[in-house]
Amino acid sequence: MKTVSVREMKANWAEIETQVANGQTFEVLNRGKPTVRIIPAQPRKVLKWDDHLATAVLAKTDKGHTGEETVRADREGRW
């Protein structure tokens, strides 16, 4: 982990951002004290669900409810 002052971070943000994107971690010092840690973002996991809309619609139509009725029943008692 590298340390950098707030002033250095502001002056060299493009380079620091590139290094973070490549896996480097930075600790930002404000008046010599650590205040922030900048770490690389983790990639988001993508949920693969083929034909989810058709599945959701079938589940509701099997019970004989329309979308409007389902929403109304869900909101019942909350308003």
PDB file of N, CA and C in Angstrom:
ATOM      1  N   MET A   1       0.858  -1.172   0.000  1.00  0.00           N
ATOM      2  CA  MET A   1       0.000   0.000   0.000  1.00  0.00           C
ATOM      3  C   MET A   1       0.901   1.230   0.000  1.00  0.00           C
ATOM      4  N   LYS A   2       0.544   2.178  -0.860  1.00  0.00           N
ATOM      5  CA  LYS A   2       1.280   3.433  -0.948  1.00  0.00           C
ATOM      6  C   LYS A   2       0.538   4.504  -0.162  1.00  0.00           C
ATOM      7  N   THR A   3       1.284   5.494   0.315  1.00  0.00           N
ATOM      8  CA  THR A   3       0.657   6.626   0.977  1.00  0.00           C
ATOM      9  C   THR A   3       0.853   7.864   0.118  1.00  0.00           C
ATOM     10  N   VAL A   4      -0.110   8.759   0.188  1.00  0.00           N
ATOM     11  CA  VAL A   4      -0.078   9.990  -0.590  1.00  0.00           C
ATOM     12  C   VAL A   4      -0.801  11.069   0.206  1.00  0.00           C
ATOM     13  N   SER A   5      -0.307  12.313   0.152  1.00  0.00           N
ATOM     14  CA  SER A   5      -0.984  13.410   0.843  1.00  0.00           C
ATOM     15  C   SER A   5      -2.156  13.875  -0.008  1.00  0.00           C
ATOM     16  N   VAL A   6      -3.039  14.630   0.600  1.00  0.00           N
ATOM     17  CA  VAL A   6      -4.190  15.161  -0.118  1.00  0.00           C
ATOM     18  C   VAL A   6      -3.714  16.036  -1.273  1.00  0.00           C
ATOM     19  N   ARG A   7      -2.717  16.854  -1.037  1.00  0.00           N
ATOM     20  CA  ARG A   7      -2.184  17.739  -2.078  1.00  0.00           C
ATOM     21  C   ARG A   7      -1.623  16.918  -3.237  1.00  0.00           C
ATOM     22  N   GLU A   8      -0.849  15.867  -2.927  1.00  0.00           N
ATOM     23  CA  GLU A   8      -0.300  15.016  -3.989  1.00  0.00           C
ATOM     24  C   GLU A   8      -1.411  14.299  -4.751  1.00  0.00           C
ATOM     25  N   MET A   9      -2.434  13.871  -4.035  1.00  0.00           N
ATOM     26  CA  MET A   9      -3.541  13.168  -4.678  1.00  0.00           C
ATOM     27  C   MET A   9      -4.254  14.086  -5.676  1.00  0.00           C
ATOM     28  N   LYS A  10      -4.499  15.328  -5.266  1.00  0.00           N
ATOM     29  CA  LYS A  10      -5.162  16.276  -6.162  1.00  0.00           C
ATOM     30  C   LYS A  10      -4.304  16.570  -7.388  1.00  0.00           C
ATOM     31  N   ALA A  11      -3.011  16.722  -7.188  1.00  0.00           N
ATOM     32  CA  ALA A  11      -2.114  17.083  -8.283  1.00  0.00           C
ATOM     33  C   ALA A  11      -1.871  15.935  -9.251  1.00  0.00           C
ATOM     34  N   ASN A  12      -1.955  14.698  -8.759  1.00  0.00           N
ATOM     35  CA  ASN A  12      -1.604  13.534  -9.580  1.00  0.00           C
ATOM     36  C   ASN A  12      -2.750  12.536  -9.699  1.00  0.00           C
ATOM     37  N   TRP A  13      -3.977  13.023  -9.679  1.00  0.00           N
ATOM     38  CA  TRP A  13      -5.114  12.116  -9.647  1.00  0.00           C
ATOM     39  C   TRP A  13      -5.142  11.148 -10.819  1.00  0.00           C
ATOM     40  N   ALA A  14      -4.856  11.589 -12.030  1.00  0.00           N
ATOM     41  CA  ALA A  14      -4.941  10.708 -13.204  1.00  0.00           C
ATOM     42  C   ALA A  14      -4.005   9.509 -13.055  1.00  0.00           C
ATOM     43  N   GLU A  15      -2.795   9.757 -12.586  1.00  0.00           N
ATOM     44  CA  GLU A  15      -1.839   8.659 -12.407  1.00  0.00           C
ATOM     45  C   GLU A  15      -2.254   7.732 -11.260  1.00  0.00           C
ATOM     46  N   ILE A  16      -2.741   8.319 -10.172  1.00  0.00           N
ATOM     47  CA  ILE A  16      -3.188   7.506  -9.030  1.00  0.00           C
ATOM     48  C   ILE A  16      -4.379   6.644  -9.442  1.00  0.00           C
ATOM     49  N   GLU A  17      -5.296   7.216 -10.193  1.00  0.00           N
ATOM     50  CA  GLU A  17      -6.467   6.465 -10.652  1.00  0.00           C
ATOM     51  C   GLU A  17      -6.041   5.284 -11.527  1.00  0.00           C
ATOM     52  N   THR A  18      -5.069   5.498 -12.387  1.00  0.00           N
ATOM     53  CA  THR A  18      -4.559   4.421 -13.237  1.00  0.00           C
ATOM     54  C   THR A  18      -3.947   3.307 -12.402  1.00  0.00           C
ATOM     55  N   GLN A  19      -3.163   3.687 -11.397  1.00  0.00           N
ATOM     56  CA  GLN A  19      -2.534   2.686 -10.531  1.00  0.00           C
ATOM     57  C   GLN A  19      -3.570   1.911  -9.729  1.00  0.00           C
ATOM     58  N   VAL A  20      -4.588   2.592  -9.255  1.00  0.00           N
ATOM     59  CA  VAL A  20      -5.661   1.908  -8.510  1.00  0.00           C
ATOM     60  C   VAL A  20      -6.382   0.931  -9.427  1.00  0.00           C
ATOM     61  N   ALA A  21      -6.651   1.353 -10.662  1.00  0.00           N
ATOM     62  CA  ALA A  21      -7.318   0.468 -11.620  1.00  0.00           C
ATOM     63  C   ALA A  21      -6.479  -0.777 -11.901  1.00  0.00           C
ATOM     64  N   ASN A  22      -5.164  -0.662 -11.743  1.00  0.00           N
ATOM     65  CA  ASN A  22      -4.264  -1.801 -11.954  1.00  0.00           C
ATOM     66  C   ASN A  22      -4.016  -2.595 -10.677  1.00  0.00           C
ATOM     67  N   GLY A  23      -4.751  -2.296  -9.593  1.00  0.00           N
ATOM     68  CA  GLY A  23      -4.670  -3.109  -8.386  1.00  0.00           C
ATOM     69  C   GLY A  23      -3.954  -2.490  -7.209  1.00  0.00           C
ATOM     70  N   GLN A  24      -3.367  -1.322  -7.362  1.00  0.00           N
ATOM     71  CA  GLN A  24      -2.636  -0.673  -6.270  1.00  0.00           C
ATOM     72  C   GLN A  24      -3.614  -0.044  -5.278  1.00  0.00           C
ATOM     73  N   THR A  25      -3.257  -0.050  -3.996  1.00  0.00           N
ATOM     74  CA  THR A  25      -4.056   0.564  -2.944  1.00  0.00           C
ATOM     75  C   THR A  25      -3.311   1.778  -2.400  1.00  0.00           C
ATOM     76  N   PHE A  26      -4.045   2.858  -2.139  1.00  0.00           N
ATOM     77  CA  PHE A  26      -3.453   4.081  -1.604  1.00  0.00           C
ATOM     78  C   PHE A  26      -4.113   4.447  -0.287  1.00  0.00           C
ATOM     79  N   GLU A  27      -3.305   4.995   0.623  1.00  0.00           N
ATOM     80  CA  GLU A  27      -3.825   5.565   1.854  1.00  0.00           C
ATOM     81  C   GLU A  27      -3.567   7.067   1.765  1.00  0.00           C
ATOM     82  N   VAL A  28      -4.607   7.852   1.922  1.00  0.00           N
ATOM     83  CA  VAL A  28      -4.494   9.302   1.798  1.00  0.00           C
ATOM     84  C   VAL A  28      -4.276   9.899   3.185  1.00  0.00           C
ATOM     85  N   LEU A  29      -3.244  10.745   3.289  1.00  0.00           N
ATOM     86  CA  LEU A  29      -2.908  11.386   4.559  1.00  0.00           C
ATOM     87  C   LEU A  29      -3.353  12.835   4.537  1.00  0.00           C
ATOM     88  N   ASN A  30      -4.034  13.233   5.590  1.00  0.00           N
ATOM     89  CA  ASN A  30      -4.423  14.625   5.774  1.00  0.00           C
ATOM     90  C   ASN A  30      -3.682  15.140   6.997  1.00  0.00           C
ATOM     91  N   ARG A  31      -2.734  16.042   6.773  1.00  0.00           N
ATOM     92  CA  ARG A  31      -1.872  16.570   7.839  1.00  0.00           C
ATOM     93  C   ARG A  31      -1.139  15.451   8.555  1.00  0.00           C
ATOM     94  N   GLY A  32      -0.710  14.464   7.773  1.00  0.00           N
ATOM     95  CA  GLY A  32       0.093  13.374   8.307  1.00  0.00           C
ATOM     96  C   GLY A  32      -0.687  12.216   8.907  1.00  0.00           C
ATOM     97  N   LYS A  33      -2.001  12.333   8.969  1.00  0.00           N
ATOM     98  CA  LYS A  33      -2.817  11.269   9.554  1.00  0.00           C
ATOM     99  C   LYS A  33      -3.634  10.598   8.449  1.00  0.00           C
ATOM    100  N   PRO A  34      -3.701   9.259   8.459  1.00  0.00           N
ATOM    101  CA  PRO A  34      -4.497   8.551   7.443  1.00  0.00           C
ATOM    102  C   PRO A  34      -5.981   8.860   7.604  1.00  0.00           C
ATOM    103  N   THR A  35      -6.616   9.243   6.497  1.00  0.00           N
ATOM    104  CA  THR A  35      -8.039   9.568   6.549  1.00  0.00           C
ATOM    105  C   THR A  35      -8.873   8.722   5.597  1.00  0.00           C
ATOM    106  N   VAL A  36      -8.271   8.322   4.472  1.00  0.00           N
ATOM    107  CA  VAL A  36      -9.024   7.605   3.450  1.00  0.00           C
ATOM    108  C   VAL A  36      -8.135   6.532   2.837  1.00  0.00           C
ATOM    109  N   ARG A  37      -8.748   5.411   2.492  1.00  0.00           N
ATOM    110  CA  ARG A  37      -8.047   4.365   1.750  1.00  0.00           C
ATOM    111  C   ARG A  37      -8.754   4.198   0.415  1.00  0.00           C
ATOM    112  N   ILE A  38      -7.996   4.259  -0.657  1.00  0.00           N
ATOM    113  CA  ILE A  38      -8.547   4.088  -2.004  1.00  0.00           C
ATOM    114  C   ILE A  38      -8.138   2.704  -2.482  1.00  0.00           C
ATOM    115  N   ILE A  39      -9.144   1.875  -2.771  1.00  0.00           N
ATOM    116  CA  ILE A  39      -8.890   0.497  -3.198  1.00  0.00           C
ATOM    117  C   ILE A  39      -9.548   0.252  -4.551  1.00  0.00           C
ATOM    118  N   PRO A  40      -9.052  -0.722  -5.296  1.00  0.00           N
ATOM    119  CA  PRO A  40      -9.672  -1.028  -6.591  1.00  0.00           C
ATOM    120  C   PRO A  40     -11.093  -1.557  -6.393  1.00  0.00           C
ATOM    121  N   ALA A  41     -11.962  -1.191  -7.312  1.00  0.00           N
ATOM    122  CA  ALA A  41     -13.340  -1.677  -7.274  1.00  0.00           C
ATOM    123  C   ALA A  41     -13.381  -3.141  -7.688  1.00  0.00           C
ATOM    124  N   GLN A  42     -14.298  -3.884  -7.096  1.00  0.00           N
ATOM    125  CA  GLN A  42     -14.498  -5.282  -7.469  1.00  0.00           C
ATOM    126  C   GLN A  42     -15.512  -5.339  -8.598  1.00  0.00           C
ATOM    127  N   PRO A  43     -15.286  -6.168  -9.590  1.00  0.00           N
ATOM    128  CA  PRO A  43     -16.284  -6.262 -10.669  1.00  0.00           C
ATOM    129  C   PRO A  43     -17.605  -6.804 -10.130  1.00  0.00           C
ATOM    130  N   ARG A  44     -18.685  -6.285 -10.678  1.00  0.00           N
ATOM    131  CA  ARG A  44     -20.004  -6.742 -10.253  1.00  0.00           C
ATOM    132  C   ARG A  44     -20.304  -8.097 -10.870  1.00  0.00           C
ATOM    133  N   LYS A  45     -20.989  -8.927 -10.095  1.00  0.00           N
ATOM    134  CA  LYS A  45     -21.426 -10.215 -10.618  1.00  0.00           C
ATOM    135  C   LYS A  45     -22.730 -10.023 -11.368  1.00  0.00           C
ATOM    136  N   VAL A  46     -22.800 -10.587 -12.534  1.00  0.00           N
ATOM    137  CA  VAL A  46     -23.995 -10.460 -13.361  1.00  0.00           C
ATOM    138  C   VAL A  46     -24.828 -11.724 -13.222  1.00  0.00           C
ATOM    139  N   LEU A  47     -26.077 -11.540 -12.846  1.00  0.00           N
ATOM    140  CA  LEU A  47     -26.996 -12.663 -12.709  1.00  0.00           C
ATOM    141  C   LEU A  47     -27.568 -12.987 -14.077  1.00  0.00           C
ATOM    142  N   LYS A  48     -27.391 -14.199 -14.522  1.00  0.00           N
ATOM    143  CA  LYS A  48     -27.899 -14.626 -15.818  1.00  0.00           C
ATOM    144  C   LYS A  48     -29.186 -15.399 -15.575  1.00  0.00           C
ATOM    145  N   TRP A  49     -30.297 -14.846 -16.010  1.00  0.00           N
ATOM    146  CA  TRP A  49     -31.591 -15.484 -15.800  1.00  0.00           C
ATOM    147  C   TRP A  49     -32.363 -15.372 -17.103  1.00  0.00           C
ATOM    148  N   ASP A  50     -32.263 -16.395 -17.915  1.00  0.00           N
ATOM    149  CA  ASP A  50     -32.910 -16.392 -19.216  1.00  0.00           C
ATOM    150  C   ASP A  50     -34.423 -16.382 -19.056  1.00  0.00           C
ATOM    151  N   ASP A  51     -35.055 -15.548 -19.838  1.00  0.00           N
ATOM    152  CA  ASP A  51     -36.506 -15.477 -19.918  1.00  0.00           C
ATOM    153  C   ASP A  51     -37.175 -15.210 -18.566  1.00  0.00           C
ATOM    154  N   HIS A  52     -36.571 -14.323 -17.766  1.00  0.00           N
ATOM    155  CA  HIS A  52     -37.121 -14.040 -16.440  1.00  0.00           C
ATOM    156  C   HIS A  52     -38.502 -13.390 -16.501  1.00  0.00           C
ATOM    157  N   LEU A  53     -38.739 -12.573 -17.510  1.00  0.00           N
ATOM    158  CA  LEU A  53     -40.037 -11.902 -17.598  1.00  0.00           C
ATOM    159  C   LEU A  53     -41.162 -12.912 -17.854  1.00  0.00           C
ATOM    160  N   ALA A  54     -40.925 -13.835 -18.760  1.00  0.00           N
ATOM    161  CA  ALA A  54     -41.942 -14.848 -19.049  1.00  0.00           C
ATOM    162  C   ALA A  54     -42.210 -15.707 -17.815  1.00  0.00           C
ATOM    163  N   THR A  55     -41.163 -16.020 -17.057  1.00  0.00           N
ATOM    164  CA  THR A  55     -41.324 -16.814 -15.839  1.00  0.00           C
ATOM    165  C   THR A  55     -42.158 -16.052 -14.818  1.00  0.00           C
ATOM    166  N   ALA A  56     -41.884 -14.758 -14.645  1.00  0.00           N
ATOM    167  CA  ALA A  56     -42.627 -13.951 -13.677  1.00  0.00           C
ATOM    168  C   ALA A  56     -44.086 -13.814 -14.086  1.00  0.00           C
ATOM    169  N   VAL A  57     -44.340 -13.602 -15.355  1.00  0.00           N
ATOM    170  CA  VAL A  57     -45.708 -13.454 -15.836  1.00  0.00           C
ATOM    171  C   VAL A  57     -46.475 -14.760 -15.673  1.00  0.00           C
ATOM    172  N   LEU A  58     -45.827 -15.879 -15.997  1.00  0.00           N
ATOM    173  CA  LEU A  58     -46.491 -17.174 -15.842  1.00  0.00           C
ATOM    174  C   LEU A  58     -46.838 -17.447 -14.389  1.00  0.00           C
ATOM    175  N   ALA A  59     -45.945 -17.096 -13.478  1.00  0.00           N
ATOM    176  CA  ALA A  59     -46.202 -17.342 -12.063  1.00  0.00           C
ATOM    177  C   ALA A  59     -47.444 -16.584 -11.601  1.00  0.00           C
ATOM    178  N   LYS A  60     -47.627 -15.373 -12.096  1.00  0.00           N
ATOM    179  CA  LYS A  60     -48.789 -14.588 -11.689  1.00  0.00           C
ATOM    180  C   LYS A  60     -50.057 -15.062 -12.388  1.00  0.00           C
ATOM    181  N   THR A  61     -49.976 -15.415 -13.660  1.00  0.00           N
ATOM    182  CA  THR A  61     -51.181 -15.828 -14.376  1.00  0.00           C
ATOM    183  C   THR A  61     -51.659 -17.200 -13.922  1.00  0.00           C
ATOM    184  N   ASP A  62     -50.750 -18.053 -13.419  1.00  0.00           N
ATOM    185  CA  ASP A  62     -51.161 -19.353 -12.906  1.00  0.00           C
ATOM    186  C   ASP A  62     -52.107 -19.197 -11.718  1.00  0.00           C
ATOM    187  N   LYS A  63     -51.922 -18.124 -10.952  1.00  0.00           N
ATOM    188  CA  LYS A  63     -52.776 -17.878  -9.796  1.00  0.00           C
ATOM    189  C   LYS A  63     -54.016 -17.083 -10.174  1.00  0.00           C
ATOM    190  N   GLY A  64     -54.071 -16.628 -11.420  1.00  0.00           N
ATOM    191  CA  GLY A  64     -55.239 -15.901 -11.885  1.00  0.00           C
ATOM    192  C   GLY A  64     -55.258 -14.428 -11.525  1.00  0.00           C
ATOM    193  N   HIS A  65     -54.112 -13.863 -11.155  1.00  0.00           N
ATOM    194  CA  HIS A  65     -54.047 -12.451 -10.785  1.00  0.00           C
ATOM    195  C   HIS A  65     -53.391 -11.646 -11.901  1.00  0.00           C
ATOM    196  N   THR A  66     -53.892 -10.446 -12.121  1.00  0.00           N
ATOM    197  CA  THR A  66     -53.231  -9.538 -13.042  1.00  0.00           C
ATOM    198  C   THR A  66     -52.121  -8.808 -12.287  1.00  0.00           C
ATOM    199  N   GLY A  67     -51.278  -8.110 -13.019  1.00  0.00           N
ATOM    200  CA  GLY A  67     -50.212  -7.340 -12.392  1.00  0.00           C
ATOM    201  C   GLY A  67     -50.760  -6.284 -11.449  1.00  0.00           C
ATOM    202  N   GLU A  68     -51.831  -5.633 -11.872  1.00  0.00           N
ATOM    203  CA  GLU A  68     -52.448  -4.597 -11.046  1.00  0.00           C
ATOM    204  C   GLU A  68     -52.966  -5.176  -9.734  1.00  0.00           C
ATOM    205  N   GLU A  69     -53.589  -6.348  -9.803  1.00  0.00           N
ATOM    206  CA  GLU A  69     -54.116  -6.984  -8.589  1.00  0.00           C
ATOM    207  C   GLU A  69     -52.980  -7.392  -7.652  1.00  0.00           C
ATOM    208  N   THR A  70     -51.891  -7.847  -8.213  1.00  0.00           N
ATOM    209  CA  THR A  70     -50.751  -8.252  -7.400  1.00  0.00           C
ATOM    210  C   THR A  70     -50.166  -7.062  -6.654  1.00  0.00           C
ATOM    211  N   VAL A  71     -50.004  -5.936  -7.361  1.00  0.00           N
ATOM    212  CA  VAL A  71     -49.469  -4.726  -6.724  1.00  0.00           C
ATOM    213  C   VAL A  71     -50.419  -4.224  -5.653  1.00  0.00           C
ATOM    214  N   ARG A  72     -51.690  -4.211  -5.953  1.00  0.00           N
ATOM    215  CA  ARG A  72     -52.682  -3.750  -4.981  1.00  0.00           C
ATOM    216  C   ARG A  72     -52.652  -4.627  -3.725  1.00  0.00           C
ATOM    217  N   ALA A  73     -52.570  -5.928  -3.873  1.00  0.00           N
ATOM    218  CA  ALA A  73     -52.527  -6.834  -2.728  1.00  0.00           C
ATOM    219  C   ALA A  73     -51.245  -6.625  -1.914  1.00  0.00           C
ATOM    220  N   ASP A  74     -50.143  -6.362  -2.609  1.00  0.00           N
ATOM    221  CA  ASP A  74     -48.872  -6.134  -1.926  1.00  0.00           C
ATOM    222  C   ASP A  74     -48.907  -4.851  -1.101  1.00  0.00           C
ATOM    223  N   ARG A  75     -49.567  -3.829  -1.620  1.00  0.00           N
ATOM    224  CA  ARG A  75     -49.624  -2.531  -0.946  1.00  0.00           C
ATOM    225  C   ARG A  75     -50.719  -2.473   0.122  1.00  0.00           C
ATOM    226  N   GLU A  76     -51.606  -3.425   0.129  1.00  0.00           N
ATOM    227  CA  GLU A  76     -52.737  -3.408   1.056  1.00  0.00           C
ATOM    228  C   GLU A  76     -52.241  -3.340   2.492  1.00  0.00           C
ATOM    229  N   GLY A  77     -52.813  -2.416   3.231  1.00  0.00           N
ATOM    230  CA  GLY A  77     -52.457  -2.271   4.642  1.00  0.00           C
ATOM    231  C   GLY A  77     -51.264  -1.342   4.879  1.00  0.00           C
ATOM    232  N   ARG A  78     -50.558  -0.976   3.824  1.00  0.00           N
ATOM    233  CA  ARG A  78     -49.418  -0.075   4.007  1.00  0.00           C
ATOM    234  C   ARG A  78     -49.801   1.371   3.783  1.00  0.00           C
ATOM    235  N   TRP A  79     -50.936   1.654   3.159  1.00  0.00           N
ATOM    236  CA  TRP A  79     -51.289   3.035   2.838  1.00  0.00           C
ATOM    237  C   TRP A  79     -52.342   3.543   3.737  1.00  0.00           C
TER     238      TRP A  79
END
